[in-house]
PDB file of N, CA and C in Angstrom:
ATOM      1  N   UNK A   1      81.945  95.903  85.074  1.00  0.00           N
ATOM      2  CA  UNK A   1      82.388  97.146  84.176  1.00  0.00           C
ATOM      3  C   UNK A   1      83.884  97.043  84.635  1.00  0.00           C
ATOM      4  N   UNK A   2      84.630  97.896  83.515  1.00  0.00           N
ATOM      5  CA  UNK A   2      85.982  98.021  84.558  1.00  0.00           C
ATOM      6  C   UNK A   2      86.205  99.602  84.947  1.00  0.00           C
ATOM      7  N   UNK A   3      86.264  99.772  86.175  1.00  0.00           N
ATOM      8  CA  UNK A   3      86.368 101.402  85.914  1.00  0.00           C
ATOM      9  C   UNK A   3      87.715 101.916  85.795  1.00  0.00           C
ATOM     10  N   UNK A   4      89.099 100.970  85.678  1.00  0.00           N
ATOM     11  CA  UNK A   4      90.521 101.452  85.961  1.00  0.00           C
ATOM     12  C   UNK A   4      91.445 100.327  84.881  1.00  0.00           C
ATOM     13  N   UNK A   5      92.227 100.744  84.465  1.00  0.00           N
ATOM     14  CA  UNK A   5      92.584 100.094  83.010  1.00  0.00           C
ATOM     15  C   UNK A   5      94.162 100.283  83.578  1.00  0.00           C
ATOM     16  N   UNK A   6      95.539  99.456  83.537  1.00  0.00           N
ATOM     17  CA  UNK A   6      96.981  99.890  84.321  1.00  0.00           C
ATOM     18  C   UNK A   6      97.458  99.870  82.982  1.00  0.00           C
ATOM     19  N   UNK A   7      99.226 100.613  82.574  1.00  0.00           N
ATOM     20  CA  UNK A   7      99.559 100.397  81.384  1.00  0.00           C
ATOM     21  C   UNK A   7      99.664  99.928  79.865  1.00  0.00           C
ATOM     22  N   UNK A   8      99.341  98.854  80.171  1.00  0.00           N
ATOM     23  CA  UNK A   8      99.419  97.309  79.481  1.00  0.00           C
ATOM     24  C   UNK A   8      97.649  97.135  79.273  1.00  0.00           C
ATOM     25  N   UNK A   9      96.932  98.237  79.604  1.00  0.00           N
ATOM     26  CA  UNK A   9      95.282  97.841  79.057  1.00  0.00           C
ATOM     27  C   UNK A   9      94.836  96.948  79.913  1.00  0.00           C
ATOM     28  N   UNK A  10      95.252  95.628  80.664  1.00  0.00           N
ATOM     29  CA  UNK A  10      94.944  95.442  82.263  1.00  0.00           C
ATOM     30  C   UNK A  10      93.949  95.580  82.883  1.00  0.00           C
ATOM     31  N   UNK A  11      92.964  95.537  82.826  1.00  0.00           N
ATOM     32  CA  UNK A  11      91.517  95.904  84.642  1.00  0.00           C
ATOM     33  C   UNK A  11      91.999  95.775  85.666  1.00  0.00           C
ATOM     34  N   UNK A  12      92.213  97.158  85.928  1.00  0.00           N
ATOM     35  CA  UNK A  12      93.133  96.541  87.379  1.00  0.00           C
ATOM     36  C   UNK A  12      91.453  97.470  88.610  1.00  0.00           C
ATOM     37  N   UNK A  13      90.875  97.406  88.230  1.00  0.00           N
ATOM     38  CA  UNK A  13      89.864  97.319  89.261  1.00  0.00           C
ATOM     39  C   UNK A  13      88.222  97.548  88.755  1.00  0.00           C
ATOM     40  N   UNK A  14      87.239  96.589  89.124  1.00  0.00           N
ATOM     41  CA  UNK A  14      86.348  96.195  88.869  1.00  0.00           C
ATOM     42  C   UNK A  14      84.487  97.056  89.497  1.00  0.00           C
ATOM     43  N   UNK A  15      84.093  97.104  89.288  1.00  0.00           N
ATOM     44  CA  UNK A  15      82.185  97.423  89.717  1.00  0.00           C
ATOM     45  C   UNK A  15      81.266  97.004  89.698  1.00  0.00           C
ATOM     46  N   UNK A  16      80.796  96.340  90.211  1.00  0.00           N
ATOM     47  CA  UNK A  16      79.311  95.940  89.578  1.00  0.00           C
ATOM     48  C   UNK A  16      78.502  97.265  89.162  1.00  0.00           C
ATOM     49  N   UNK A  17      77.341  97.401  88.317  1.00  0.00           N
ATOM     50  CA  UNK A  17      76.115  98.269  89.108  1.00  0.00           C
ATOM     51  C   UNK A  17      75.046  97.340  89.352  1.00  0.00           C
ATOM     52  N   UNK A  18      74.788  98.588  90.050  1.00  0.00           N
ATOM     53  CA  UNK A  18      73.315  97.978  91.183  1.00  0.00           C
ATOM     54  C   UNK A  18      73.828  97.723  92.193  1.00  0.00           C
ATOM     55  N   UNK A  19      75.113  97.325  92.850  1.00  0.00           N
ATOM     56  CA  UNK A  19      75.855  96.702  93.616  1.00  0.00           C
ATOM     57  C   UNK A  19      77.107  97.477  94.198  1.00  0.00           C
ATOM     58  N   UNK A  20      76.923  97.907  95.614  1.00  0.00           N
ATOM     59  CA  UNK A  20      78.323  98.325  96.237  1.00  0.00           C
ATOM     60  C   UNK A  20      79.385  98.036  95.738  1.00  0.00           C
ATOM     61  N   UNK A  21      79.414  96.396  95.983  1.00  0.00           N
ATOM     62  CA  UNK A  21      80.672  95.876  95.771  1.00  0.00           C
ATOM     63  C   UNK A  21      82.028  95.977  94.433  1.00  0.00           C
ATOM     64  N   UNK A  22      82.827  96.270  94.512  1.00  0.00           N
ATOM     65  CA  UNK A  22      84.186  96.211  94.098  1.00  0.00           C
ATOM     66  C   UNK A  22      85.730  95.720  94.417  1.00  0.00           C
ATOM     67  N   UNK A  23      85.694  95.220  93.356  1.00  0.00           N
ATOM     68  CA  UNK A  23      86.686  94.001  93.113  1.00  0.00           C
ATOM     69  C   UNK A  23      88.088  94.556  92.302  1.00  0.00           C
ATOM     70  N   UNK A  24      89.107  94.588  92.938  1.00  0.00           N
ATOM     71  CA  UNK A  24      90.613  95.241  92.735  1.00  0.00           C
ATOM     72  C   UNK A  24      90.983  93.948  92.227  1.00  0.00           C
ATOM     73  N   UNK A  25      91.258  94.259  90.359  1.00  0.00           N
ATOM     74  CA  UNK A  25      92.380  92.981  90.165  1.00  0.00           C
ATOM     75  C   UNK A  25      93.528  92.415  91.438  1.00  0.00           C
ATOM     76  N   UNK A  26      93.987  93.560  92.053  1.00  0.00           N
ATOM     77  CA  UNK A  26      94.965  92.730  92.954  1.00  0.00           C
ATOM     78  C   UNK A  26      94.403  91.696  94.150  1.00  0.00           C
ATOM     79  N   UNK A  27      92.852  92.240  94.396  1.00  0.00           N
ATOM     80  CA  UNK A  27      92.507  90.432  95.245  1.00  0.00           C
ATOM     81  C   UNK A  27      91.804  89.782  94.344  1.00  0.00           C
ATOM     82  N   UNK A  28      91.704  89.672  93.043  1.00  0.00           N
ATOM     83  CA  UNK A  28      91.510  88.669  92.534  1.00  0.00           C
ATOM     84  C   UNK A  28      92.704  87.804  92.565  1.00  0.00           C
ATOM     85  N   UNK A  29      94.117  88.556  92.251  1.00  0.00           N
ATOM     86  CA  UNK A  29      95.156  87.475  91.752  1.00  0.00           C
ATOM     87  C   UNK A  29      95.335  87.080  92.660  1.00  0.00           C
ATOM     88  N   UNK A  30      95.539  87.352  94.259  1.00  0.00           N
ATOM     89  CA  UNK A  30      95.581  86.425  95.778  1.00  0.00           C
ATOM     90  C   UNK A  30      95.088  85.207  96.104  1.00  0.00           C
ATOM     91  N   UNK A  31      93.743  85.531  95.534  1.00  0.00           N
ATOM     92  CA  UNK A  31      92.704  84.050  95.121  1.00  0.00           C
ATOM     93  C   UNK A  31      93.354  83.100  94.940  1.00  0.00           C
TER      94      UNK A  31
END
């Protein structure tokens, strides 16, 4: 589930329901 969107509507922060894991867009881009 997306938590935050940037000015062009891209997801910049993700969260997983039922889990403490939060994946940010920047972290994904570096991988």
